[in-house]
Amino acid sequence: MDIIKAQAVSAVEELIQTAALSEGQILVIGCSSSEIVGETIGRGSSLETAQAIFKAVYPILKGKGIYLAAQCCEHLNRALIIERECAEKYGLEEVAVVPQPKAGGSFATSAWLGFQSPVAVEHIRAHAGLDIGGTLIGMHLRDVAVPVRLSVARIGNANLLCARTRPKYIGGIRARYE
């Protein structure tokens, strides 16, 4: 378990730096504990593994003032668990659901149990994302997602895909962007 936690910490720290995330921004994490432990996504959920990942990465994000959005599984239509403060800051509408390991996923359940004031929302436009095990977080990123390759390619047995976002380039050939 220590290796898995170290991989998660390394990935989150590197993504924060690479994506230049700052206080008040949102990092969405989709996490298949099944894939981490070597099972097929949705077939071997491990609350212990998900809690270890959550407890390893959440203090880092909280310490930097970055909001964590924990993506639920498809049984909850990939809703997100966030802190109420984040929902209020971004004007996100709360929905009524409490994730469970088999309906929402172990990572979202861990977030629900670990947050100070958790709420569920259906949509978010995160500034960066970490997809652990093929959870398909793309729908929760801002419009222009840019793939980020980290030095950590896996967490446990799960593939790791990351993205940062950037503003859209508009205006054509005459426009200046920086």
C-alpha atoms as a PDB file:
ATOM      1  CA  MET A   1       0.000   0.000   0.000  1.00  0.00           C
ATOM      2  CA  ASP A   2       2.911   2.363   0.669  1.00  0.00           C
ATOM      3  CA  ILE A   3       4.037   2.121  -2.969  1.00  0.00           C
ATOM      4  CA  ILE A   4       0.542   2.954  -4.219  1.00  0.00           C
ATOM      5  CA  LYS A   5       0.312   5.970  -1.903  1.00  0.00           C
ATOM      6  CA  ALA A   6       3.769   7.167  -2.973  1.00  0.00           C
ATOM      7  CA  GLN A   7       2.813   6.842  -6.659  1.00  0.00           C
ATOM      8  CA  ALA A   8      -0.388   8.836  -6.074  1.00  0.00           C
ATOM      9  CA  VAL A   9       1.430  11.575  -4.164  1.00  0.00           C
ATOM     10  CA  SER A  10       4.090  11.815  -6.856  1.00  0.00           C
ATOM     11  CA  ALA A  11       1.458  12.023  -9.619  1.00  0.00           C
ATOM     12  CA  VAL A  12      -0.590  14.714  -7.859  1.00  0.00           C
ATOM     13  CA  GLU A  13       2.447  16.822  -6.973  1.00  0.00           C
ATOM     14  CA  GLU A  14       3.828  16.594 -10.511  1.00  0.00           C
ATOM     15  CA  LEU A  15       0.454  17.415 -12.085  1.00  0.00           C
ATOM     16  CA  ILE A  16      -0.020  20.429  -9.796  1.00  0.00           C
ATOM     17  CA  GLN A  17       3.368  21.735 -10.905  1.00  0.00           C
ATOM     18  CA  THR A  18       3.013  20.890 -14.612  1.00  0.00           C
ATOM     19  CA  ALA A  19      -0.520  22.274 -14.851  1.00  0.00           C
ATOM     20  CA  ALA A  20       0.454  25.325 -12.758  1.00  0.00           C
ATOM     21  CA  LEU A  21      -2.603  24.826 -10.562  1.00  0.00           C
ATOM     22  CA  SER A  22      -3.227  27.589  -8.077  1.00  0.00           C
ATOM     23  CA  GLU A  23      -5.370  28.244  -5.053  1.00  0.00           C
ATOM     24  CA  GLY A  24      -9.092  28.044  -5.765  1.00  0.00           C
ATOM     25  CA  GLN A  25      -8.762  25.864  -8.855  1.00  0.00           C
ATOM     26  CA  ILE A  26     -10.230  22.370  -9.236  1.00  0.00           C
ATOM     27  CA  LEU A  27      -8.510  19.035  -9.811  1.00  0.00           C
ATOM     28  CA  VAL A  28     -10.851  16.200 -10.778  1.00  0.00           C
ATOM     29  CA  ILE A  29      -9.754  12.679  -9.915  1.00  0.00           C
ATOM     30  CA  GLY A  30     -11.400   9.575 -11.280  1.00  0.00           C
ATOM     31  CA  CYS A  31     -10.042   6.529  -9.496  1.00  0.00           C
ATOM     32  CA  SER A  32     -10.752   2.865 -10.105  1.00  0.00           C
ATOM     33  CA  SER A  33      -9.612   1.012  -7.012  1.00  0.00           C
ATOM     34  CA  SER A  34     -10.417  -2.176  -8.945  1.00  0.00           C
ATOM     35  CA  GLU A  35      -7.806  -1.345 -11.594  1.00  0.00           C
ATOM     36  CA  ILE A  36      -5.254  -0.344  -8.962  1.00  0.00           C
ATOM     37  CA  VAL A  37      -5.471  -3.789  -7.339  1.00  0.00           C
ATOM     38  CA  GLY A  38      -5.299  -5.577 -10.695  1.00  0.00           C
ATOM     39  CA  GLU A  39      -8.985  -6.290 -11.305  1.00  0.00           C
ATOM     40  CA  THR A  40     -11.244  -5.049 -14.102  1.00  0.00           C
ATOM     41  CA  ILE A  41     -12.827  -1.657 -13.485  1.00  0.00           C
ATOM     42  CA  GLY A  42     -16.030  -2.076 -11.462  1.00  0.00           C
ATOM     43  CA  ARG A  43     -15.288  -5.689 -10.532  1.00  0.00           C
ATOM     44  CA  GLY A  44     -12.995  -5.543  -7.511  1.00  0.00           C
ATOM     45  CA  SER A  45     -13.673  -2.327  -5.629  1.00  0.00           C
ATOM     46  CA  SER A  46     -11.377  -1.829  -2.658  1.00  0.00           C
ATOM     47  CA  LEU A  47     -12.435   0.757  -0.093  1.00  0.00           C
ATOM     48  CA  GLU A  48      -9.109   0.278   1.708  1.00  0.00           C
ATOM     49  CA  THR A  49      -7.144   1.132  -1.454  1.00  0.00           C
ATOM     50  CA  ALA A  50      -9.348   4.126  -2.290  1.00  0.00           C
ATOM     51  CA  GLN A  51      -9.082   5.475   1.254  1.00  0.00           C
ATOM     52  CA  ALA A  52      -5.294   5.145   1.123  1.00  0.00           C
ATOM     53  CA  ILE A  53      -5.171   7.153  -2.129  1.00  0.00           C
ATOM     54  CA  PHE A  54      -7.578   9.784  -0.778  1.00  0.00           C
ATOM     55  CA  LYS A  55      -5.702  10.168   2.507  1.00  0.00           C
ATOM     56  CA  ALA A  56      -2.414  10.506   0.606  1.00  0.00           C
ATOM     57  CA  VAL A  57      -3.496  13.170  -1.916  1.00  0.00           C
ATOM     58  CA  TYR A  58      -6.208  15.198  -0.193  1.00  0.00           C
ATOM     59  CA  PRO A  59      -3.912  16.898   2.357  1.00  0.00           C
ATOM     60  CA  ILE A  60      -1.610  18.014  -0.468  1.00  0.00           C
ATOM     61  CA  LEU A  61      -4.481  19.597  -2.387  1.00  0.00           C
ATOM     62  CA  LYS A  62      -6.083  21.108   0.699  1.00  0.00           C
ATOM     63  CA  GLY A  63      -2.733  22.547   1.785  1.00  0.00           C
ATOM     64  CA  LYS A  64      -2.443  24.363  -1.552  1.00  0.00           C
ATOM     65  CA  GLY A  65      -6.063  25.507  -1.538  1.00  0.00           C
ATOM     66  CA  ILE A  66      -6.884  23.366  -4.598  1.00  0.00           C
ATOM     67  CA  TYR A  67     -10.336  21.797  -4.620  1.00  0.00           C
ATOM     68  CA  LEU A  68     -10.609  18.038  -5.157  1.00  0.00           C
ATOM     69  CA  ALA A  69     -13.539  16.786  -7.223  1.00  0.00           C
ATOM     70  CA  ALA A  70     -13.880  13.023  -6.791  1.00  0.00           C
ATOM     71  CA  GLN A  71     -15.681  11.465  -9.738  1.00  0.00           C
ATOM     72  CA  CYS A  72     -18.274   8.797  -9.022  1.00  0.00           C
ATOM     73  CA  CYS A  73     -18.659   5.739 -11.235  1.00  0.00           C
ATOM     74  CA  GLU A  74     -21.211   5.355 -14.015  1.00  0.00           C
ATOM     75  CA  HIS A  75     -23.842   4.029 -11.577  1.00  0.00           C
ATOM     76  CA  LEU A  76     -24.189   7.624 -10.375  1.00  0.00           C
ATOM     77  CA  ASN A  77     -23.758   9.045 -13.891  1.00  0.00           C
ATOM     78  CA  ARG A  78     -20.216  10.134 -13.027  1.00  0.00           C
ATOM     79  CA  ALA A  79     -21.450  12.742 -10.539  1.00  0.00           C
ATOM     80  CA  LEU A  80     -18.769  14.432  -8.456  1.00  0.00           C
ATOM     81  CA  ILE A  81     -18.187  14.729  -4.741  1.00  0.00           C
ATOM     82  CA  ILE A  82     -16.789  18.103  -3.716  1.00  0.00           C
ATOM     83  CA  GLU A  83     -16.595  20.333  -0.671  1.00  0.00           C
ATOM     84  CA  ARG A  84     -19.630  22.574  -0.210  1.00  0.00           C
ATOM     85  CA  GLU A  85     -17.277  25.575  -0.320  1.00  0.00           C
ATOM     86  CA  CYS A  86     -16.266  24.628  -3.884  1.00  0.00           C
ATOM     87  CA  ALA A  87     -19.900  24.265  -4.950  1.00  0.00           C
ATOM     88  CA  GLU A  88     -20.712  27.680  -3.525  1.00  0.00           C
ATOM     89  CA  LYS A  89     -17.652  29.365  -5.071  1.00  0.00           C
ATOM     90  CA  TYR A  90     -18.434  28.017  -8.549  1.00  0.00           C
ATOM     91  CA  GLY A  91     -22.240  28.198  -8.308  1.00  0.00           C
ATOM     92  CA  LEU A  92     -22.711  24.445  -8.722  1.00  0.00           C
ATOM     93  CA  GLU A  93     -26.098  22.869  -8.098  1.00  0.00           C
ATOM     94  CA  GLU A  94     -26.144  20.157  -5.459  1.00  0.00           C
ATOM     95  CA  VAL A  95     -27.846  16.838  -6.205  1.00  0.00           C
ATOM     96  CA  ALA A  96     -29.183  14.381  -3.645  1.00  0.00           C
ATOM     97  CA  VAL A  97     -27.058  11.245  -3.538  1.00  0.00           C
ATOM     98  CA  VAL A  98     -24.533   9.646  -1.201  1.00  0.00           C
ATOM     99  CA  PRO A  99     -21.928   7.445  -2.904  1.00  0.00           C
ATOM    100  CA  GLN A 100     -21.352   3.876  -1.778  1.00  0.00           C
ATOM    101  CA  PRO A 101     -18.511   1.547  -2.837  1.00  0.00           C
ATOM    102  CA  LYS A 102     -20.763  -0.309  -5.325  1.00  0.00           C
ATOM    103  CA  ALA A 103     -22.780   2.750  -6.406  1.00  0.00           C
ATOM    104  CA  GLY A 104     -20.500   5.708  -6.808  1.00  0.00           C
ATOM    105  CA  GLY A 105     -17.226   3.954  -6.211  1.00  0.00           C
ATOM    106  CA  SER A 106     -14.785   3.558  -3.362  1.00  0.00           C
ATOM    107  CA  PHE A 107     -12.828   6.751  -4.109  1.00  0.00           C
ATOM    108  CA  ALA A 108     -15.947   8.947  -4.187  1.00  0.00           C
ATOM    109  CA  THR A 109     -17.118   7.229  -0.998  1.00  0.00           C
ATOM    110  CA  SER A 110     -13.738   7.968   0.593  1.00  0.00           C
ATOM    111  CA  ALA A 111     -14.072  11.627  -0.403  1.00  0.00           C
ATOM    112  CA  TRP A 112     -17.609  11.774   1.002  1.00  0.00           C
ATOM    113  CA  LEU A 113     -16.331  10.385   4.303  1.00  0.00           C
ATOM    114  CA  GLY A 114     -13.171  12.508   4.319  1.00  0.00           C
ATOM    115  CA  PHE A 115     -14.463  15.935   3.316  1.00  0.00           C
ATOM    116  CA  GLN A 116     -15.557  18.429   5.951  1.00  0.00           C
ATOM    117  CA  SER A 117     -18.858  19.253   4.221  1.00  0.00           C
ATOM    118  CA  PRO A 118     -19.359  17.012   1.155  1.00  0.00           C
ATOM    119  CA  VAL A 119     -21.933  17.564  -1.554  1.00  0.00           C
ATOM    120  CA  ALA A 120     -22.606  15.838  -4.858  1.00  0.00           C
ATOM    121  CA  VAL A 121     -22.897  17.761  -8.131  1.00  0.00           C
ATOM    122  CA  GLU A 122     -23.539  16.568 -11.676  1.00  0.00           C
ATOM    123  CA  HIS A 123     -21.210  18.851 -13.612  1.00  0.00           C
ATOM    124  CA  ILE A 124     -17.946  20.655 -13.081  1.00  0.00           C
ATOM    125  CA  ARG A 125     -15.349  22.359 -15.296  1.00  0.00           C
ATOM    126  CA  ALA A 126     -12.056  21.384 -13.664  1.00  0.00           C
ATOM    127  CA  HIS A 127      -8.711  22.976 -14.416  1.00  0.00           C
ATOM    128  CA  ALA A 128      -6.852  19.651 -14.482  1.00  0.00           C
ATOM    129  CA  GLY A 129      -7.571  15.976 -14.107  1.00  0.00           C
ATOM    130  CA  LEU A 130      -6.089  12.688 -13.023  1.00  0.00           C
ATOM    131  CA  ASP A 131      -7.665   9.524 -14.432  1.00  0.00           C
ATOM    132  CA  ILE A 132      -6.541   6.448 -12.527  1.00  0.00           C
ATOM    133  CA  GLY A 133      -7.625   3.287 -14.301  1.00  0.00           C
ATOM    134  CA  GLY A 134      -9.688   4.516 -17.261  1.00  0.00           C
ATOM    135  CA  THR A 135     -12.547   6.258 -15.460  1.00  0.00           C
ATOM    136  CA  LEU A 136     -13.154   8.769 -18.285  1.00  0.00           C
ATOM    137  CA  ILE A 137     -12.902  12.155 -16.580  1.00  0.00           C
ATOM    138  CA  GLY A 138     -12.859  14.210 -19.785  1.00  0.00           C
ATOM    139  CA  MET A 139     -16.459  15.371 -19.438  1.00  0.00           C
ATOM    140  CA  HIS A 140     -15.483  17.239 -16.279  1.00  0.00           C
ATOM    141  CA  LEU A 141     -12.617  19.275 -17.725  1.00  0.00           C
ATOM    142  CA  ARG A 142     -12.761  22.750 -19.214  1.00  0.00           C
ATOM    143  CA  ASP A 143     -13.128  22.912 -23.017  1.00  0.00           C
ATOM    144  CA  VAL A 144      -9.477  22.721 -24.068  1.00  0.00           C
ATOM    145  CA  ALA A 145      -7.806  19.770 -22.367  1.00  0.00           C
ATOM    146  CA  VAL A 146      -4.105  19.226 -22.976  1.00  0.00           C
ATOM    147  CA  PRO A 147      -2.632  15.784 -22.262  1.00  0.00           C
ATOM    148  CA  VAL A 148       0.082  15.727 -19.605  1.00  0.00           C
ATOM    149  CA  ARG A 149       2.599  12.912 -19.461  1.00  0.00           C
ATOM    150  CA  LEU A 150       3.960  12.403 -15.961  1.00  0.00           C
ATOM    151  CA  SER A 151       6.980  10.457 -14.794  1.00  0.00           C
ATOM    152  CA  VAL A 152       4.474   8.168 -13.029  1.00  0.00           C
ATOM    153  CA  ALA A 153       2.602   6.100 -15.636  1.00  0.00           C
ATOM    154  CA  ARG A 154       0.713   3.786 -13.274  1.00  0.00           C
ATOM    155  CA  ILE A 155      -0.687   3.703  -9.781  1.00  0.00           C
ATOM    156  CA  GLY A 156      -0.581   0.099  -8.700  1.00  0.00           C
ATOM    157  CA  ASN A 157      -1.809  -1.818 -11.751  1.00  0.00           C
ATOM    158  CA  ALA A 158      -3.914   1.081 -13.070  1.00  0.00           C
ATOM    159  CA  ASN A 159      -2.919   3.175 -16.067  1.00  0.00           C
ATOM    160  CA  LEU A 160      -2.636   6.874 -15.328  1.00  0.00           C
ATOM    161  CA  LEU A 161      -3.817   9.568 -17.748  1.00  0.00           C
ATOM    162  CA  CYS A 162      -3.618  13.259 -16.917  1.00  0.00           C
ATOM    163  CA  ALA A 163      -4.649  16.553 -18.428  1.00  0.00           C
ATOM    164  CA  ARG A 164      -4.388  20.237 -17.809  1.00  0.00           C
ATOM    165  CA  THR A 165      -6.609  22.805 -19.435  1.00  0.00           C
ATOM    166  CA  ARG A 166      -5.947  26.130 -21.093  1.00  0.00           C
ATOM    167  CA  PRO A 167      -8.074  28.973 -22.412  1.00  0.00           C
ATOM    168  CA  LYS A 168      -9.334  28.662 -25.983  1.00  0.00           C
ATOM    169  CA  TYR A 169      -7.329  30.395 -28.696  1.00  0.00           C
ATOM    170  CA  ILE A 170      -9.731  32.559 -30.665  1.00  0.00           C
ATOM    171  CA  GLY A 171      -9.373  35.361 -33.184  1.00  0.00           C
ATOM    172  CA  GLY A 172      -7.359  33.825 -35.995  1.00  0.00           C
ATOM    173  CA  ILE A 173      -4.080  34.940 -37.490  1.00  0.00           C
ATOM    174  CA  ARG A 174      -4.245  38.552 -36.280  1.00  0.00           C
ATOM    175  CA  ALA A 175      -4.808  37.621 -32.646  1.00  0.00           C
ATOM    176  CA  ARG A 176      -2.065  37.769 -30.030  1.00  0.00           C
ATOM    177  CA  TYR A 177      -2.166  35.319 -27.152  1.00  0.00           C
ATOM    178  CA  GLU A 178       0.733  36.455 -24.938  1.00  0.00           C
END
